[in-house]
């Protein structure tokens, strides 16, 4: 026993068209003992009513209609839901793996950046120290150059004094 709504869904037609087919005078006699109502007033069709209505429907359309059992549809729906659940779990797993890999890459990048910054800082300190040493050496070099010039001047004076005769030395010329 199935409801009119279920039968309409299985045939791919509207509920109203099924009710119209049941109410036709030509169908009244054949369906009289095969349609009942449940305690809620819902109209139920037995297997013979379903077969009769399907046969009448086939005559009109001229096409073959395959009626699937509700249990077969429910089984297919459950299989599809299981497949969807499995795929959702797979997507979640892939997302988790991707996020973990992304975090690993970020960590490695952060460590490398810190190392490079430390190396850069160390290099800057070394460069500053080297520049300071160069400046000191330049000052020392300048000071030594001045001393050399003084000594050369003193040497020239001594040479000039040594080249004087004793008479020039005596008179202080």
Protein backbone atom coordinates (compact mmCIF):
# COMPACT_ATOMS: atom_id res chain seq x y z
CA UNK A 1 0.00 0.00 0.00
CA UNK A 2 1.34 3.39 -0.98
CA UNK A 3 -0.08 6.88 -0.74
CA UNK A 4 -1.23 8.91 -3.72
CA UNK A 5 1.68 11.28 -3.09
CA UNK A 6 4.22 8.44 -3.24
CA UNK A 7 2.62 7.04 -6.40
CA UNK A 8 2.70 10.48 -8.07
CA UNK A 9 6.37 10.87 -7.18
CA UNK A 10 7.22 7.42 -8.58
CA UNK A 11 5.46 8.23 -11.85
CA UNK A 12 6.83 11.74 -12.15
CA UNK A 13 3.36 13.33 -12.25
CA UNK A 14 1.49 15.74 -9.99
CA UNK A 15 -0.74 14.58 -7.17
CA UNK A 16 -3.68 16.40 -8.74
CA UNK A 17 -3.36 14.41 -11.97
CA UNK A 18 -3.45 11.13 -9.98
CA UNK A 19 -6.61 12.28 -8.15
CA UNK A 20 -8.20 13.21 -11.50
CA UNK A 21 -7.37 9.78 -12.92
CA UNK A 22 -8.91 8.06 -9.85
CA UNK A 23 -12.13 10.15 -10.08
CA UNK A 24 -12.77 9.43 -13.78
CA UNK A 25 -15.92 7.38 -14.30
CA UNK A 26 -14.14 4.95 -16.56
CA UNK A 27 -11.74 4.10 -13.70
CA UNK A 28 -14.24 4.11 -10.80
CA UNK A 29 -15.41 0.50 -11.22
CA UNK A 30 -11.92 -0.99 -11.57
CA UNK A 31 -10.50 0.90 -8.54
CA UNK A 32 -13.52 0.57 -6.22
CA UNK A 33 -12.12 -2.14 -3.91
CA UNK A 34 -8.45 -1.21 -4.24
CA UNK A 35 -8.40 2.29 -2.72
CA UNK A 36 -8.73 2.75 1.05
CA UNK A 37 -8.13 5.47 3.62
CA UNK A 38 -6.04 5.24 6.78
CA UNK A 39 -6.99 6.62 10.21
CA UNK A 40 -5.80 10.10 9.15
CA UNK A 41 -7.85 10.12 5.97
CA UNK A 42 -4.88 9.62 3.63
CA UNK A 43 -5.83 7.75 0.46
CA UNK A 44 -3.89 4.48 0.00
CA UNK A 45 -3.50 2.48 -3.21
CA UNK A 46 -2.93 -1.27 -3.17
CA UNK A 47 -0.75 -3.11 -5.72
CA UNK A 48 -3.64 -3.72 -8.14
CA UNK A 49 -4.64 -0.03 -8.10
CA UNK A 50 -1.04 0.94 -8.76
CA UNK A 51 -0.81 -1.54 -11.63
CA UNK A 52 -4.15 -0.37 -13.12
CA UNK A 53 -3.24 3.33 -12.89
CA UNK A 54 0.24 2.66 -14.30
CA UNK A 55 -1.32 0.71 -17.18
CA UNK A 56 -3.73 3.56 -17.94
CA UNK A 57 -0.88 6.06 -17.69
CA UNK A 58 1.24 4.01 -20.10
CA UNK A 59 -1.57 3.88 -22.67
CA UNK A 60 -1.80 7.66 -22.70
CA UNK A 61 1.86 8.49 -22.90
CA UNK A 62 2.97 5.61 -25.08
CA UNK A 63 6.23 5.32 -23.14
CA UNK A 64 7.41 2.67 -20.74
CA UNK A 65 7.72 3.75 -17.13
CA UNK A 66 9.93 1.86 -14.72
CA UNK A 67 8.55 1.85 -11.20
CA UNK A 68 11.16 1.54 -8.55
CA UNK A 69 10.42 0.26 -5.15
CA UNK A 70 10.66 2.81 -2.33
CA UNK A 71 13.11 0.55 -0.55
CA UNK A 72 15.39 0.57 -3.60
CA UNK A 73 15.27 4.38 -3.69
CA UNK A 74 15.93 4.56 0.03
CA UNK A 75 18.88 2.20 -0.38
CA UNK A 76 20.30 4.31 -3.21
CA UNK A 77 19.84 7.48 -1.15
CA UNK A 78 21.62 5.87 1.82
CA UNK A 79 24.49 4.78 -0.43
CA UNK A 80 24.81 8.29 -1.85
CA UNK A 81 24.72 9.78 1.67
CA UNK A 82 27.47 7.36 2.75
CA UNK A 83 29.51 8.37 -0.30
CA UNK A 84 28.97 12.06 0.52
CA UNK A 85 30.02 11.45 4.13
CA UNK A 86 33.13 9.59 2.98
CA UNK A 87 34.02 12.36 0.54
CA UNK A 88 33.45 15.04 3.20
CA UNK A 89 35.78 13.13 5.54
CA UNK A 90 38.36 12.91 2.75
CA UNK A 91 38.10 16.65 2.07
CA UNK A 92 38.45 17.38 5.80
CA UNK A 93 41.52 15.14 5.96
CA UNK A 94 43.08 16.83 2.93
CA UNK A 95 42.34 20.26 4.43
CA UNK A 96 43.94 19.22 7.72
CA UNK A 97 47.05 17.94 5.92
CA UNK A 98 47.23 21.12 3.84
CA UNK A 99 46.93 23.34 6.91
CA UNK A 100 49.63 21.32 8.71
CA UNK A 101 51.98 21.64 5.74
CA UNK A 102 51.22 25.36 5.54
CA UNK A 103 52.03 25.79 9.23
CA UNK A 104 55.26 23.81 8.80
CA UNK A 105 56.31 26.05 5.89
CA UNK A 106 55.47 29.16 7.92
CA UNK A 107 57.53 27.88 10.86
CA UNK A 108 60.51 27.09 8.64
CA UNK A 109 60.22 30.47 6.93
CA UNK A 110 60.06 32.28 10.27
CA UNK A 111 63.15 30.44 11.52
CA UNK A 112 65.06 31.19 8.32
CA UNK A 113 64.04 34.87 8.48
CA UNK A 114 65.21 35.05 12.12
CA UNK A 115 68.53 33.43 11.19
CA UNK A 116 69.02 35.82 8.28
CA UNK A 117 68.13 38.81 10.43
CA UNK A 118 70.63 37.68 13.08
CA UNK A 119 73.30 37.17 10.41
CA UNK A 120 72.47 40.59 8.98
CA UNK A 121 72.72 42.16 12.43
CA UNK A 122 76.03 40.38 13.06
CA UNK A 123 77.31 41.53 9.68
CA UNK A 124 76.24 45.10 10.42
CA UNK A 125 78.07 44.99 13.75
CA UNK A 126 81.17 43.55 12.08
CA UNK A 127 80.98 46.21 9.37
CA UNK A 128 80.70 48.97 11.97
CA UNK A 129 83.67 47.55 13.86
CA UNK A 130 85.70 47.28 10.65
CA UNK A 131 84.82 50.87 9.71
CA UNK A 132 85.91 52.02 13.18
CA UNK A 133 89.20 50.15 12.84
CA UNK A 134 89.76 51.64 9.38
CA UNK A 135 89.12 55.14 10.73
CA UNK A 136 91.57 54.53 13.59
CA UNK A 137 94.20 53.20 11.19
CA UNK A 138 93.70 56.20 8.94
CA UNK A 139 94.23 58.53 11.90
CA UNK A 140 97.34 56.58 12.96
CA UNK A 141 98.59 56.69 9.36
CA UNK A 142 98.01 60.46 9.19
CA UNK A 143 99.80 60.95 12.51
CA UNK A 144 102.71 58.78 11.34
CA UNK A 145 102.86 60.69 8.05
CA UNK A 146 103.12 63.97 10.00
CA UNK A 147 105.92 62.46 12.14
CA UNK A 148 107.73 61.30 8.99
CA UNK A 149 107.45 64.80 7.52
CA UNK A 150 108.81 66.30 10.78
CA UNK A 151 111.68 63.83 10.83
CA UNK A 152 112.48 64.51 7.17
CA UNK A 153 112.51 68.24 7.89
CA UNK A 154 114.75 67.68 10.93
CA UNK A 155 117.00 65.44 8.83
CA UNK A 156 117.28 68.13 6.16
CA UNK A 157 118.20 70.67 8.83
CA UNK A 158 120.83 68.30 10.23
CA UNK A 159 122.17 67.68 6.73
CA UNK A 160 122.34 71.39 6.14
CA UNK A 161 124.13 71.85 9.47
CA UNK A 162 126.56 69.01 8.69
CA UNK A 163 127.36 70.54 5.31
CA UNK A 164 128.39 73.87 6.91
CA UNK A 165 132.03 74.59 7.33
CA UNK A 166 133.49 74.99 10.80
CA UNK A 167 133.84 78.70 10.13
CA UNK A 168 130.05 78.97 9.32
CA UNK A 169 129.28 77.00 12.39
CA UNK A 170 131.36 79.30 14.52
CA UNK A 171 129.81 82.51 13.26
CA UNK A 172 126.32 80.90 13.29
CA UNK A 173 125.49 81.44 9.74
